[in-house]
Amino acid sequence: MNRNQDLFSTNDLSLAAAIIATRTSSVSQIDWKGREAFFQFHNSPTLERVVSEFWNKDLSSDCLTYFEAMRYLKKRLFGGRDAQ
């Protein structure tokens, strides 16, 4: 994870899907470093709370919404580096 004032970055697919599923933020871009993808989100206090709840296993989300978020991210990843 990388945090600065404007962007939150993670290479964790599960966390990225949770952020999208909770409608906290959408992916602003995907950065590639070698074969590793980093999901970039606009940072906010709400996003920080969601990340904390995710890692503390306190975050709840609708299963179908989480599945759809995961499918969306995989489509962006496996659709190619230019499918942004």
C-alpha atoms as a PDB file:
ATOM      1  CA  MET A   1       0.000   0.000   0.000  1.00  0.00           C
ATOM      2  CA  ASN A   2       1.120   3.490  -0.753  1.00  0.00           C
ATOM      3  CA  ARG A   3      -0.612   6.567   0.597  1.00  0.00           C
ATOM      4  CA  ASN A   4      -0.179  10.208  -0.219  1.00  0.00           C
ATOM      5  CA  GLN A   5      -2.574  13.092   0.192  1.00  0.00           C
ATOM      6  CA  ASP A   6      -4.306  12.616  -3.153  1.00  0.00           C
ATOM      7  CA  LEU A   7      -4.036   8.928  -4.019  1.00  0.00           C
ATOM      8  CA  PHE A   8      -4.267   5.597  -2.268  1.00  0.00           C
ATOM      9  CA  SER A   9      -2.509   2.738  -4.053  1.00  0.00           C
ATOM     10  CA  THR A  10      -2.771  -0.993  -3.439  1.00  0.00           C
ATOM     11  CA  ASN A  11      -1.814  -4.122  -5.325  1.00  0.00           C
ATOM     12  CA  ASP A  12      -4.303  -6.204  -3.328  1.00  0.00           C
ATOM     13  CA  LEU A  13      -7.145  -7.247  -5.641  1.00  0.00           C
ATOM     14  CA  SER A  14      -9.463  -8.140  -2.741  1.00  0.00           C
ATOM     15  CA  LEU A  15      -9.024  -4.751  -1.094  1.00  0.00           C
ATOM     16  CA  ALA A  16      -9.531  -2.930  -4.393  1.00  0.00           C
ATOM     17  CA  ALA A  17     -12.769  -4.859  -4.974  1.00  0.00           C
ATOM     18  CA  ALA A  18     -13.959  -4.044  -1.442  1.00  0.00           C
ATOM     19  CA  ILE A  19     -13.320  -0.331  -1.996  1.00  0.00           C
ATOM     20  CA  ILE A  20     -15.349  -0.413  -5.205  1.00  0.00           C
ATOM     21  CA  ALA A  21     -18.102  -2.596  -3.700  1.00  0.00           C
ATOM     22  CA  THR A  22     -18.658  -0.124  -0.865  1.00  0.00           C
ATOM     23  CA  ARG A  23     -18.895   2.676  -3.439  1.00  0.00           C
ATOM     24  CA  THR A  24     -16.175   4.551  -1.561  1.00  0.00           C
ATOM     25  CA  SER A  25     -14.167   5.344  -4.674  1.00  0.00           C
ATOM     26  CA  SER A  26     -13.660   4.165  -8.220  1.00  0.00           C
ATOM     27  CA  VAL A  27     -10.309   3.195  -9.691  1.00  0.00           C
ATOM     28  CA  SER A  28      -8.681   6.312 -11.062  1.00  0.00           C
ATOM     29  CA  GLN A  29      -6.052   4.245 -12.859  1.00  0.00           C
ATOM     30  CA  ILE A  30      -4.067   1.036 -12.807  1.00  0.00           C
ATOM     31  CA  ASP A  31      -0.281   1.406 -12.750  1.00  0.00           C
ATOM     32  CA  TRP A  32       1.884  -1.480 -13.863  1.00  0.00           C
ATOM     33  CA  LYS A  33       5.271  -2.131 -12.281  1.00  0.00           C
ATOM     34  CA  GLY A  34       6.647  -5.092 -14.150  1.00  0.00           C
ATOM     35  CA  ARG A  35       3.967  -7.771 -13.941  1.00  0.00           C
ATOM     36  CA  GLU A  36       2.375  -6.287 -10.818  1.00  0.00           C
ATOM     37  CA  ALA A  37      -0.709  -4.062 -11.013  1.00  0.00           C
ATOM     38  CA  PHE A  38      -1.343  -1.237  -8.553  1.00  0.00           C
ATOM     39  CA  PHE A  39      -4.870   0.143  -8.219  1.00  0.00           C
ATOM     40  CA  GLN A  40      -5.001   3.904  -7.637  1.00  0.00           C
ATOM     41  CA  PHE A  41      -7.935   5.465  -5.773  1.00  0.00           C
ATOM     42  CA  HIS A  42      -8.692   9.047  -4.784  1.00  0.00           C
ATOM     43  CA  ASN A  43      -7.888   9.255  -1.081  1.00  0.00           C
ATOM     44  CA  SER A  44     -10.478  10.363   1.478  1.00  0.00           C
ATOM     45  CA  PRO A  45     -11.262   9.823   5.162  1.00  0.00           C
ATOM     46  CA  THR A  46     -14.021   7.406   4.128  1.00  0.00           C
ATOM     47  CA  LEU A  47     -11.586   5.372   2.061  1.00  0.00           C
ATOM     48  CA  GLU A  48      -9.178   5.205   5.008  1.00  0.00           C
ATOM     49  CA  ARG A  49     -12.020   3.893   7.198  1.00  0.00           C
ATOM     50  CA  VAL A  50     -12.976   1.237   4.622  1.00  0.00           C
ATOM     51  CA  VAL A  51      -9.350   0.083   4.319  1.00  0.00           C
ATOM     52  CA  SER A  52      -9.031  -0.159   8.091  1.00  0.00           C
ATOM     53  CA  GLU A  53     -12.307  -2.090   8.412  1.00  0.00           C
ATOM     54  CA  PHE A  54     -11.243  -4.418   5.589  1.00  0.00           C
ATOM     55  CA  TRP A  55      -7.954  -5.359   7.269  1.00  0.00           C
ATOM     56  CA  ASN A  56      -9.651  -5.670  10.689  1.00  0.00           C
ATOM     57  CA  LYS A  57     -12.292  -7.963   9.126  1.00  0.00           C
ATOM     58  CA  ASP A  58     -15.057  -5.562  10.179  1.00  0.00           C
ATOM     59  CA  LEU A  59     -16.189  -4.511   6.698  1.00  0.00           C
ATOM     60  CA  SER A  60     -19.488  -5.858   5.443  1.00  0.00           C
ATOM     61  CA  SER A  61     -20.648  -5.755   1.856  1.00  0.00           C
ATOM     62  CA  ASP A  62     -23.266  -7.400  -0.300  1.00  0.00           C
ATOM     63  CA  CYS A  63     -21.765 -10.549  -1.837  1.00  0.00           C
ATOM     64  CA  LEU A  64     -23.112  -9.905  -5.335  1.00  0.00           C
ATOM     65  CA  THR A  65     -21.796  -6.331  -5.328  1.00  0.00           C
ATOM     66  CA  TYR A  66     -18.363  -7.578  -4.224  1.00  0.00           C
ATOM     67  CA  PHE A  67     -18.404 -10.240  -6.954  1.00  0.00           C
ATOM     68  CA  GLU A  68     -19.313  -7.637  -9.585  1.00  0.00           C
ATOM     69  CA  ALA A  69     -16.491  -5.366  -8.378  1.00  0.00           C
ATOM     70  CA  MET A  70     -14.030  -8.253  -8.583  1.00  0.00           C
ATOM     71  CA  ARG A  71     -15.236  -9.133 -12.088  1.00  0.00           C
ATOM     72  CA  TYR A  72     -14.898  -5.472 -13.168  1.00  0.00           C
ATOM     73  CA  LEU A  73     -11.304  -5.308 -11.914  1.00  0.00           C
ATOM     74  CA  LYS A  74     -10.347  -8.611 -13.531  1.00  0.00           C
ATOM     75  CA  LYS A  75     -11.813  -7.404 -16.806  1.00  0.00           C
ATOM     76  CA  ARG A  76      -9.650  -4.279 -16.593  1.00  0.00           C
ATOM     77  CA  LEU A  77      -6.579  -6.315 -15.693  1.00  0.00           C
ATOM     78  CA  PHE A  78      -6.908  -9.120 -18.194  1.00  0.00           C
ATOM     79  CA  GLY A  79      -8.332  -6.917 -20.934  1.00  0.00           C
ATOM     80  CA  GLY A  80      -4.771  -5.696 -21.385  1.00  0.00           C
ATOM     81  CA  ARG A  81      -2.704  -2.872 -20.039  1.00  0.00           C
ATOM     82  CA  ASP A  82      -4.363  -0.402 -22.398  1.00  0.00           C
ATOM     83  CA  ALA A  83      -7.939  -1.380 -21.406  1.00  0.00           C
ATOM     84  CA  GLN A  84      -8.325   1.455 -18.944  1.00  0.00           C
END
